[in-house]
Amino acid sequence: MKEIKTIKKSIELKVFSKDSLSDELKKLCDVCMASANNAYAVYSKFRVGAAVLLDNGHIISGNNQENVAFPSGLCAERTVLFYTHANFPDKKIKAIAIYSPDAKNLLTPCGACRQVMIEYENIQNEPIQTIIISEKEIYVLESVKDWLPFEFSENLLK
């Protein structure tokens, strides 16, 4: 096989201390972290909390919800995003924060969550900042497109 060209995509993951965040983002992180404690993770024992910050300053939280029939469960990110869009369809999402007290390494959204996140970013035609909270640092991506550089979008269906 002879290579024609190489396409390289990279991301810029910014790292912050929680103290360096704005008050609004600190509150988002606090709500997100508290939400992880309410996760229904009786099977995996892997609790995840997520919270979104809307353009009106409102914060909504969610967490993972498992089920003994494993495909029936739902990740924290999709729980909070689906709830948000169902109840606040005209509000834009400025940021989503994600946290697990059970993560040993950098926690990142699964593929299904990335696809849902990019859908909502595309719907509002504005980037959604992603904030990943660890015990020591806060990781920030400025757009969901950074998580999913080769997105599946509606343009592919036309």
N, C-alpha and C. Protein backbone atom coordinates (compact mmCIF):
# COMPACT_ATOMS: atom_id res chain seq x y z
N MET A 1 0.85 -1.16 0.00
CA MET A 1 0.00 0.00 0.00
C MET A 1 0.90 1.23 0.00
N LYS A 2 0.65 2.14 -0.94
CA LYS A 2 1.45 3.35 -1.05
C LYS A 2 0.65 4.53 -0.50
N GLU A 3 1.23 5.20 0.50
CA GLU A 3 0.58 6.34 1.13
C GLU A 3 0.55 7.53 0.18
N ILE A 4 -0.61 8.16 0.09
CA ILE A 4 -0.75 9.36 -0.72
C ILE A 4 -0.38 10.60 0.10
N LYS A 5 -0.89 10.63 1.33
CA LYS A 5 -0.58 11.74 2.23
C LYS A 5 -0.93 11.33 3.65
N THR A 6 -0.53 12.14 4.60
CA THR A 6 -0.84 11.92 6.00
C THR A 6 -1.66 13.10 6.49
N ILE A 7 -2.73 12.79 7.20
CA ILE A 7 -3.57 13.83 7.81
C ILE A 7 -3.37 13.72 9.31
N LYS A 8 -2.94 14.80 9.92
CA LYS A 8 -2.69 14.80 11.35
C LYS A 8 -3.63 15.77 12.03
N LYS A 9 -4.29 15.30 13.07
CA LYS A 9 -5.14 16.15 13.90
C LYS A 9 -4.57 16.12 15.30
N SER A 10 -4.54 17.25 15.95
CA SER A 10 -4.06 17.29 17.33
C SER A 10 -4.99 18.17 18.15
N ILE A 11 -4.90 18.02 19.45
CA ILE A 11 -5.74 18.83 20.34
C ILE A 11 -4.86 19.66 21.26
N GLU A 12 -5.46 20.70 21.78
CA GLU A 12 -4.79 21.52 22.77
C GLU A 12 -5.57 21.38 24.07
N LEU A 13 -4.99 20.66 25.00
CA LEU A 13 -5.60 20.42 26.30
C LEU A 13 -4.93 21.33 27.31
N LYS A 14 -5.68 22.32 27.78
CA LYS A 14 -5.13 23.28 28.74
C LYS A 14 -5.31 22.73 30.15
N VAL A 15 -4.34 22.99 31.01
CA VAL A 15 -4.37 22.49 32.38
C VAL A 15 -4.36 23.68 33.34
N PHE A 16 -5.29 23.65 34.30
CA PHE A 16 -5.44 24.73 35.27
C PHE A 16 -5.52 24.16 36.68
N SER A 17 -5.30 25.01 37.64
CA SER A 17 -5.65 24.67 39.02
C SER A 17 -7.08 25.17 39.21
N LYS A 18 -7.81 24.54 40.12
CA LYS A 18 -9.19 24.97 40.35
C LYS A 18 -9.24 26.43 40.81
N ASP A 19 -8.24 26.84 41.58
CA ASP A 19 -8.20 28.21 42.09
C ASP A 19 -8.10 29.26 40.99
N SER A 20 -7.56 28.87 39.83
CA SER A 20 -7.38 29.84 38.76
C SER A 20 -8.63 30.02 37.89
N LEU A 21 -9.66 29.21 38.12
CA LEU A 21 -10.89 29.33 37.34
C LEU A 21 -11.73 30.52 37.79
N SER A 22 -12.61 30.98 36.92
CA SER A 22 -13.56 32.02 37.29
C SER A 22 -14.51 31.46 38.35
N ASP A 23 -15.18 32.33 39.08
CA ASP A 23 -16.14 31.89 40.09
C ASP A 23 -17.25 31.05 39.46
N GLU A 24 -17.67 31.42 38.28
CA GLU A 24 -18.72 30.69 37.57
C GLU A 24 -18.29 29.25 37.25
N LEU A 25 -17.05 29.09 36.80
CA LEU A 25 -16.55 27.75 36.48
C LEU A 25 -16.23 26.95 37.74
N LYS A 26 -15.81 27.62 38.81
CA LYS A 26 -15.61 26.92 40.09
C LYS A 26 -16.93 26.33 40.58
N LYS A 27 -17.98 27.12 40.47
CA LYS A 27 -19.30 26.64 40.89
C LYS A 27 -19.74 25.46 40.02
N LEU A 28 -19.50 25.55 38.71
CA LEU A 28 -19.83 24.45 37.81
C LEU A 28 -19.11 23.18 38.24
N CYS A 29 -17.83 23.30 38.56
CA CYS A 29 -17.05 22.15 39.01
C CYS A 29 -17.58 21.58 40.32
N ASP A 30 -17.93 22.45 41.25
CA ASP A 30 -18.47 21.98 42.53
C ASP A 30 -19.78 21.21 42.35
N VAL A 31 -20.66 21.74 41.51
CA VAL A 31 -21.94 21.06 41.24
C VAL A 31 -21.68 19.71 40.57
N CYS A 32 -20.78 19.69 39.63
CA CYS A 32 -20.43 18.46 38.93
C CYS A 32 -19.91 17.40 39.89
N MET A 33 -19.00 17.79 40.75
CA MET A 33 -18.40 16.85 41.69
C MET A 33 -19.44 16.31 42.67
N ALA A 34 -20.33 17.16 43.15
CA ALA A 34 -21.39 16.72 44.06
C ALA A 34 -22.33 15.75 43.35
N SER A 35 -22.57 15.99 42.08
CA SER A 35 -23.48 15.14 41.32
C SER A 35 -22.97 13.71 41.20
N ALA A 36 -21.66 13.52 41.15
CA ALA A 36 -21.09 12.18 41.04
C ALA A 36 -21.50 11.31 42.24
N ASN A 37 -21.71 11.93 43.39
CA ASN A 37 -22.09 11.17 44.58
C ASN A 37 -23.48 10.57 44.46
N ASN A 38 -24.31 11.08 43.57
CA ASN A 38 -25.67 10.57 43.39
C ASN A 38 -25.78 9.59 42.22
N ALA A 39 -24.67 9.24 41.63
CA ALA A 39 -24.70 8.31 40.49
C ALA A 39 -25.25 6.96 40.94
N TYR A 40 -25.98 6.32 40.04
CA TYR A 40 -26.46 4.96 40.29
C TYR A 40 -25.50 4.03 39.56
N ALA A 41 -24.44 3.63 40.27
CA ALA A 41 -23.36 2.84 39.68
C ALA A 41 -23.14 1.57 40.50
N VAL A 42 -24.22 0.87 40.79
CA VAL A 42 -24.13 -0.30 41.66
C VAL A 42 -23.41 -1.49 41.01
N TYR A 43 -23.30 -1.49 39.70
CA TYR A 43 -22.66 -2.61 39.01
C TYR A 43 -21.19 -2.33 38.70
N SER A 44 -20.90 -1.20 38.13
CA SER A 44 -19.51 -0.87 37.77
C SER A 44 -18.74 -0.27 38.94
N LYS A 45 -19.46 0.34 39.88
CA LYS A 45 -18.83 1.08 40.98
C LYS A 45 -18.00 2.26 40.47
N PHE A 46 -18.32 2.74 39.27
CA PHE A 46 -17.60 3.86 38.65
C PHE A 46 -18.58 5.02 38.52
N ARG A 47 -18.55 5.91 39.50
CA ARG A 47 -19.48 7.04 39.54
C ARG A 47 -18.94 8.20 38.71
N VAL A 48 -19.84 8.81 37.94
CA VAL A 48 -19.47 9.97 37.13
C VAL A 48 -20.55 11.03 37.29
N GLY A 49 -20.11 12.25 37.46
CA GLY A 49 -21.01 13.39 37.51
C GLY A 49 -20.71 14.30 36.33
N ALA A 50 -21.73 14.99 35.86
CA ALA A 50 -21.57 15.97 34.79
C ALA A 50 -22.46 17.16 35.11
N ALA A 51 -22.05 18.32 34.67
CA ALA A 51 -22.85 19.52 34.86
C ALA A 51 -22.63 20.44 33.68
N VAL A 52 -23.69 21.12 33.28
CA VAL A 52 -23.58 22.08 32.18
C VAL A 52 -23.89 23.48 32.69
N LEU A 53 -23.20 24.43 32.09
CA LEU A 53 -23.41 25.85 32.37
C LEU A 53 -24.11 26.44 31.15
N LEU A 54 -25.29 26.99 31.38
CA LEU A 54 -26.05 27.60 30.28
C LEU A 54 -25.68 29.08 30.13
N ASP A 55 -26.06 29.63 28.99
CA ASP A 55 -25.71 31.03 28.70
C ASP A 55 -26.41 32.02 29.63
N ASN A 56 -27.43 31.56 30.37
CA ASN A 56 -28.08 32.45 31.34
C ASN A 56 -27.51 32.27 32.75
N GLY A 57 -26.42 31.47 32.87
CA GLY A 57 -25.77 31.27 34.15
C GLY A 57 -26.31 30.08 34.94
N HIS A 58 -27.40 29.49 34.48
CA HIS A 58 -28.01 28.34 35.16
C HIS A 58 -27.11 27.12 35.02
N ILE A 59 -26.98 26.33 36.07
CA ILE A 59 -26.20 25.09 36.06
C ILE A 59 -27.13 23.91 36.29
N ILE A 60 -26.98 22.90 35.45
CA ILE A 60 -27.78 21.68 35.53
C ILE A 60 -26.81 20.51 35.68
N SER A 61 -27.16 19.57 36.56
CA SER A 61 -26.27 18.44 36.77
C SER A 61 -26.95 17.12 36.45
N GLY A 62 -26.12 16.11 36.24
CA GLY A 62 -26.58 14.75 36.00
C GLY A 62 -25.48 13.79 36.38
N ASN A 63 -25.78 12.52 36.34
CA ASN A 63 -24.79 11.49 36.66
C ASN A 63 -25.13 10.21 35.93
N ASN A 64 -24.19 9.27 35.95
CA ASN A 64 -24.45 8.02 35.24
C ASN A 64 -25.52 7.21 35.96
N GLN A 65 -26.32 6.53 35.16
CA GLN A 65 -27.43 5.73 35.66
C GLN A 65 -27.33 4.34 35.04
N GLU A 66 -26.95 3.36 35.84
CA GLU A 66 -26.76 2.01 35.33
C GLU A 66 -28.05 1.20 35.43
N ASN A 67 -28.02 0.05 34.78
CA ASN A 67 -29.14 -0.87 34.81
C ASN A 67 -28.56 -2.26 34.69
N VAL A 68 -29.21 -3.23 35.29
CA VAL A 68 -28.71 -4.60 35.23
C VAL A 68 -28.63 -5.09 33.78
N ALA A 69 -29.48 -4.58 32.92
CA ALA A 69 -29.37 -4.82 31.47
C ALA A 69 -28.45 -3.72 30.95
N PHE A 70 -27.14 -3.97 30.95
CA PHE A 70 -26.13 -2.93 30.75
C PHE A 70 -26.39 -1.96 29.60
N PRO A 71 -26.87 -2.36 28.45
CA PRO A 71 -27.09 -1.34 27.40
C PRO A 71 -28.16 -0.31 27.76
N SER A 72 -28.92 -0.60 28.81
CA SER A 72 -30.01 0.32 29.18
C SER A 72 -29.55 1.48 30.05
N GLY A 73 -28.32 1.47 30.50
CA GLY A 73 -27.81 2.55 31.33
C GLY A 73 -27.46 3.76 30.49
N LEU A 74 -27.07 4.83 31.16
CA LEU A 74 -26.73 6.06 30.45
C LEU A 74 -25.61 6.79 31.18
N CYS A 75 -24.66 7.29 30.41
CA CYS A 75 -23.54 8.05 30.95
C CYS A 75 -24.01 9.39 31.51
N ALA A 76 -23.21 9.95 32.39
CA ALA A 76 -23.53 11.23 33.01
C ALA A 76 -23.66 12.35 31.99
N GLU A 77 -22.77 12.37 31.00
CA GLU A 77 -22.78 13.44 30.01
C GLU A 77 -24.09 13.44 29.23
N ARG A 78 -24.51 12.27 28.76
CA ARG A 78 -25.76 12.21 27.99
C ARG A 78 -26.97 12.46 28.87
N THR A 79 -26.92 12.01 30.13
CA THR A 79 -28.03 12.27 31.05
C THR A 79 -28.27 13.77 31.17
N VAL A 80 -27.21 14.53 31.44
CA VAL A 80 -27.38 15.97 31.65
C VAL A 80 -27.67 16.70 30.34
N LEU A 81 -27.07 16.27 29.24
CA LEU A 81 -27.33 16.94 27.96
C LEU A 81 -28.75 16.71 27.46
N PHE A 82 -29.24 15.49 27.56
CA PHE A 82 -30.62 15.21 27.12
C PHE A 82 -31.63 15.97 27.98
N TYR A 83 -31.41 15.98 29.30
CA TYR A 83 -32.29 16.72 30.20
C TYR A 83 -32.27 18.21 29.85
N THR A 84 -31.08 18.73 29.65
CA THR A 84 -30.93 20.16 29.36
C THR A 84 -31.67 20.54 28.08
N HIS A 85 -31.45 19.78 27.03
CA HIS A 85 -32.10 20.14 25.76
C HIS A 85 -33.60 19.94 25.81
N ALA A 86 -34.06 18.93 26.56
CA ALA A 86 -35.50 18.69 26.69
C ALA A 86 -36.19 19.82 27.45
N ASN A 87 -35.50 20.41 28.42
CA ASN A 87 -36.12 21.42 29.27
C ASN A 87 -35.72 22.86 28.98
N PHE A 88 -34.60 23.04 28.29
CA PHE A 88 -34.11 24.38 27.96
C PHE A 88 -33.65 24.41 26.50
N PRO A 89 -34.52 24.09 25.56
CA PRO A 89 -34.09 23.95 24.16
C PRO A 89 -33.57 25.23 23.53
N ASP A 90 -33.93 26.37 24.07
CA ASP A 90 -33.50 27.64 23.48
C ASP A 90 -32.25 28.23 24.15
N LYS A 91 -31.74 27.57 25.16
CA LYS A 91 -30.55 28.07 25.85
C LYS A 91 -29.31 27.41 25.26
N LYS A 92 -28.23 28.16 25.23
CA LYS A 92 -26.97 27.62 24.73
C LYS A 92 -26.14 27.10 25.90
N ILE A 93 -25.41 26.05 25.61
CA ILE A 93 -24.53 25.46 26.61
C ILE A 93 -23.15 26.10 26.45
N LYS A 94 -22.68 26.75 27.50
CA LYS A 94 -21.35 27.36 27.47
C LYS A 94 -20.27 26.34 27.78
N ALA A 95 -20.55 25.46 28.76
CA ALA A 95 -19.52 24.52 29.20
C ALA A 95 -20.17 23.27 29.79
N ILE A 96 -19.43 22.17 29.71
CA ILE A 96 -19.81 20.94 30.39
C ILE A 96 -18.61 20.50 31.21
N ALA A 97 -18.87 20.14 32.47
CA ALA A 97 -17.83 19.63 33.36
C ALA A 97 -18.11 18.16 33.63
N ILE A 98 -17.04 17.38 33.76
CA ILE A 98 -17.16 15.93 33.97
C ILE A 98 -16.18 15.53 35.06
N TYR A 99 -16.64 14.64 35.96
CA TYR A 99 -15.80 14.23 37.09
C TYR A 99 -16.18 12.84 37.55
N SER A 100 -15.17 12.07 37.95
CA SER A 100 -15.38 10.80 38.62
C SER A 100 -14.42 10.68 39.79
N PRO A 101 -14.95 10.46 40.99
CA PRO A 101 -14.05 10.23 42.11
C PRO A 101 -13.35 8.87 42.01
N ASP A 102 -13.79 8.04 41.08
CA ASP A 102 -13.26 6.69 40.93
C ASP A 102 -12.25 6.56 39.79
N ALA A 103 -12.02 7.62 39.03
CA ALA A 103 -11.08 7.56 37.91
C ALA A 103 -9.64 7.60 38.42
N LYS A 104 -8.85 6.71 37.89
CA LYS A 104 -7.43 6.66 38.27
C LYS A 104 -6.57 7.46 37.30
N ASN A 105 -7.07 7.68 36.09
CA ASN A 105 -6.35 8.43 35.06
C ASN A 105 -7.26 9.53 34.54
N LEU A 106 -6.80 10.25 33.55
CA LEU A 106 -7.60 11.31 32.94
C LEU A 106 -8.90 10.73 32.39
N LEU A 107 -10.01 11.21 32.88
CA LEU A 107 -11.33 10.76 32.47
C LEU A 107 -11.74 11.49 31.19
N THR A 108 -12.12 10.77 30.17
CA THR A 108 -12.58 11.40 28.93
C THR A 108 -13.94 10.83 28.55
N PRO A 109 -14.75 11.60 27.85
CA PRO A 109 -16.06 11.11 27.43
C PRO A 109 -15.94 9.92 26.48
N CYS A 110 -16.88 8.99 26.57
CA CYS A 110 -16.89 7.86 25.65
C CYS A 110 -17.30 8.34 24.25
N GLY A 111 -17.21 7.48 23.28
CA GLY A 111 -17.53 7.85 21.90
C GLY A 111 -18.97 8.30 21.73
N ALA A 112 -19.91 7.60 22.36
CA ALA A 112 -21.33 7.98 22.25
C ALA A 112 -21.56 9.37 22.83
N CYS A 113 -20.93 9.65 23.97
CA CYS A 113 -21.08 10.97 24.58
C CYS A 113 -20.45 12.06 23.73
N ARG A 114 -19.30 11.76 23.14
CA ARG A 114 -18.66 12.74 22.26
C ARG A 114 -19.57 13.08 21.09
N GLN A 115 -20.23 12.07 20.53
CA GLN A 115 -21.12 12.30 19.40
C GLN A 115 -22.31 13.18 19.81
N VAL A 116 -22.88 12.92 20.98
CA VAL A 116 -23.99 13.74 21.46
C VAL A 116 -23.51 15.16 21.76
N MET A 117 -22.34 15.28 22.35
CA MET A 117 -21.79 16.60 22.65
C MET A 117 -21.58 17.41 21.38
N ILE A 118 -21.05 16.78 20.34
CA ILE A 118 -20.80 17.51 19.08
C ILE A 118 -22.13 17.89 18.42
N GLU A 119 -23.15 17.06 18.58
CA GLU A 119 -24.47 17.38 18.04
C GLU A 119 -25.00 18.67 18.64
N TYR A 120 -24.91 18.78 19.96
CA TYR A 120 -25.41 20.00 20.61
C TYR A 120 -24.54 21.20 20.30
N GLU A 121 -23.25 21.01 20.16
CA GLU A 121 -22.39 22.12 19.74
C GLU A 121 -22.79 22.59 18.34
N ASN A 122 -23.07 21.66 17.45
CA ASN A 122 -23.48 22.02 16.09
C ASN A 122 -24.86 22.68 16.07
N ILE A 123 -25.78 22.21 16.90
CA ILE A 123 -27.12 22.80 16.96
C ILE A 123 -27.02 24.28 17.35
N GLN A 124 -26.21 24.59 18.33
CA GLN A 124 -26.14 25.98 18.80
C GLN A 124 -25.13 26.81 18.03
N ASN A 125 -24.35 26.17 17.18
CA ASN A 125 -23.38 26.86 16.32
C ASN A 125 -22.40 27.70 17.13
N GLU A 126 -22.07 27.20 18.31
CA GLU A 126 -21.06 27.83 19.17
C GLU A 126 -20.34 26.73 19.93
N PRO A 127 -19.06 26.91 20.20
CA PRO A 127 -18.32 25.86 20.92
C PRO A 127 -18.82 25.66 22.34
N ILE A 128 -18.69 24.43 22.79
CA ILE A 128 -18.97 24.08 24.18
C ILE A 128 -17.63 23.72 24.82
N GLN A 129 -17.28 24.47 25.82
CA GLN A 129 -16.04 24.21 26.54
C GLN A 129 -16.22 22.92 27.36
N THR A 130 -15.22 22.05 27.33
CA THR A 130 -15.27 20.81 28.11
C THR A 130 -14.25 20.91 29.24
N ILE A 131 -14.71 20.63 30.44
CA ILE A 131 -13.87 20.71 31.63
C ILE A 131 -13.83 19.34 32.28
N ILE A 132 -12.65 18.77 32.36
CA ILE A 132 -12.47 17.47 33.01
C ILE A 132 -11.79 17.73 34.35
N ILE A 133 -12.41 17.29 35.40
CA ILE A 133 -11.92 17.55 36.75
C ILE A 133 -11.20 16.31 37.26
N SER A 134 -9.97 16.51 37.71
CA SER A 134 -9.25 15.44 38.40
C SER A 134 -8.98 15.92 39.82
N GLU A 135 -8.40 15.08 40.61
CA GLU A 135 -8.14 15.45 42.01
C GLU A 135 -7.19 16.63 42.13
N LYS A 136 -6.25 16.75 41.19
CA LYS A 136 -5.21 17.77 41.31
C LYS A 136 -5.31 18.89 40.29
N GLU A 137 -5.89 18.60 39.12
CA GLU A 137 -5.88 19.59 38.04
C GLU A 137 -7.23 19.60 37.32
N ILE A 138 -7.40 20.67 36.57
CA ILE A 138 -8.58 20.85 35.73
C ILE A 138 -8.08 20.90 34.28
N TYR A 139 -8.64 20.06 33.43
CA TYR A 139 -8.27 20.01 32.02
C TYR A 139 -9.39 20.64 31.20
N VAL A 140 -9.02 21.51 30.26
CA VAL A 140 -10.03 22.24 29.50
C VAL A 140 -9.75 22.14 28.00
N LEU A 141 -10.80 21.79 27.27
CA LEU A 141 -10.79 21.86 25.81
C LEU A 141 -11.81 22.93 25.42
N GLU A 142 -11.45 23.76 24.49
CA GLU A 142 -12.31 24.90 24.14
C GLU A 142 -13.50 24.53 23.26
N SER A 143 -13.46 23.37 22.61
CA SER A 143 -14.56 22.94 21.74
C SER A 143 -14.67 21.43 21.76
N VAL A 144 -15.88 20.93 21.62
CA VAL A 144 -16.10 19.49 21.53
C VAL A 144 -15.42 18.93 20.27
N LYS A 145 -15.27 19.76 19.25
CA LYS A 145 -14.61 19.31 18.03
C LYS A 145 -13.20 18.80 18.31
N ASP A 146 -12.59 19.27 19.40
CA ASP A 146 -11.27 18.77 19.78
C ASP A 146 -11.33 17.29 20.20
N TRP A 147 -12.44 16.88 20.80
CA TRP A 147 -12.61 15.47 21.20
C TRP A 147 -12.90 14.58 20.00
N LEU A 148 -13.53 15.15 19.00
CA LEU A 148 -14.02 14.36 17.87
C LEU A 148 -13.67 15.06 16.57
N PRO A 149 -12.39 15.05 16.19
CA PRO A 149 -11.96 15.81 15.02
C PRO A 149 -12.54 15.31 13.69
N PHE A 150 -12.95 14.05 13.65
CA PHE A 150 -13.57 13.50 12.44
C PHE A 150 -15.02 13.16 12.77
N GLU A 151 -15.80 14.18 12.99
CA GLU A 151 -17.17 13.99 13.46
C GLU A 151 -18.08 13.39 12.40
N PHE A 152 -19.07 12.65 12.87
CA PHE A 152 -20.16 12.19 12.03
C PHE A 152 -21.23 13.25 12.12
N SER A 153 -21.57 13.89 11.01
CA SER A 153 -22.52 15.00 11.06
C SER A 153 -23.62 14.80 10.02
N GLU A 154 -24.60 15.68 10.10
CA GLU A 154 -25.74 15.58 9.19
C GLU A 154 -25.34 15.75 7.73
N ASN A 155 -24.22 16.44 7.49
CA ASN A 155 -23.75 16.60 6.11
C ASN A 155 -23.45 15.25 5.45
N LEU A 156 -23.08 14.26 6.24
CA LEU A 156 -22.79 12.94 5.70
C LEU A 156 -24.07 12.20 5.28
N LEU A 157 -25.21 12.65 5.78
CA LEU A 157 -26.48 12.00 5.46
C LEU A 157 -27.12 12.56 4.19
N LYS A 158 -26.56 13.62 3.66
CA LYS A 158 -27.16 14.27 2.48
C LYS A 158 -26.56 13.74 1.20
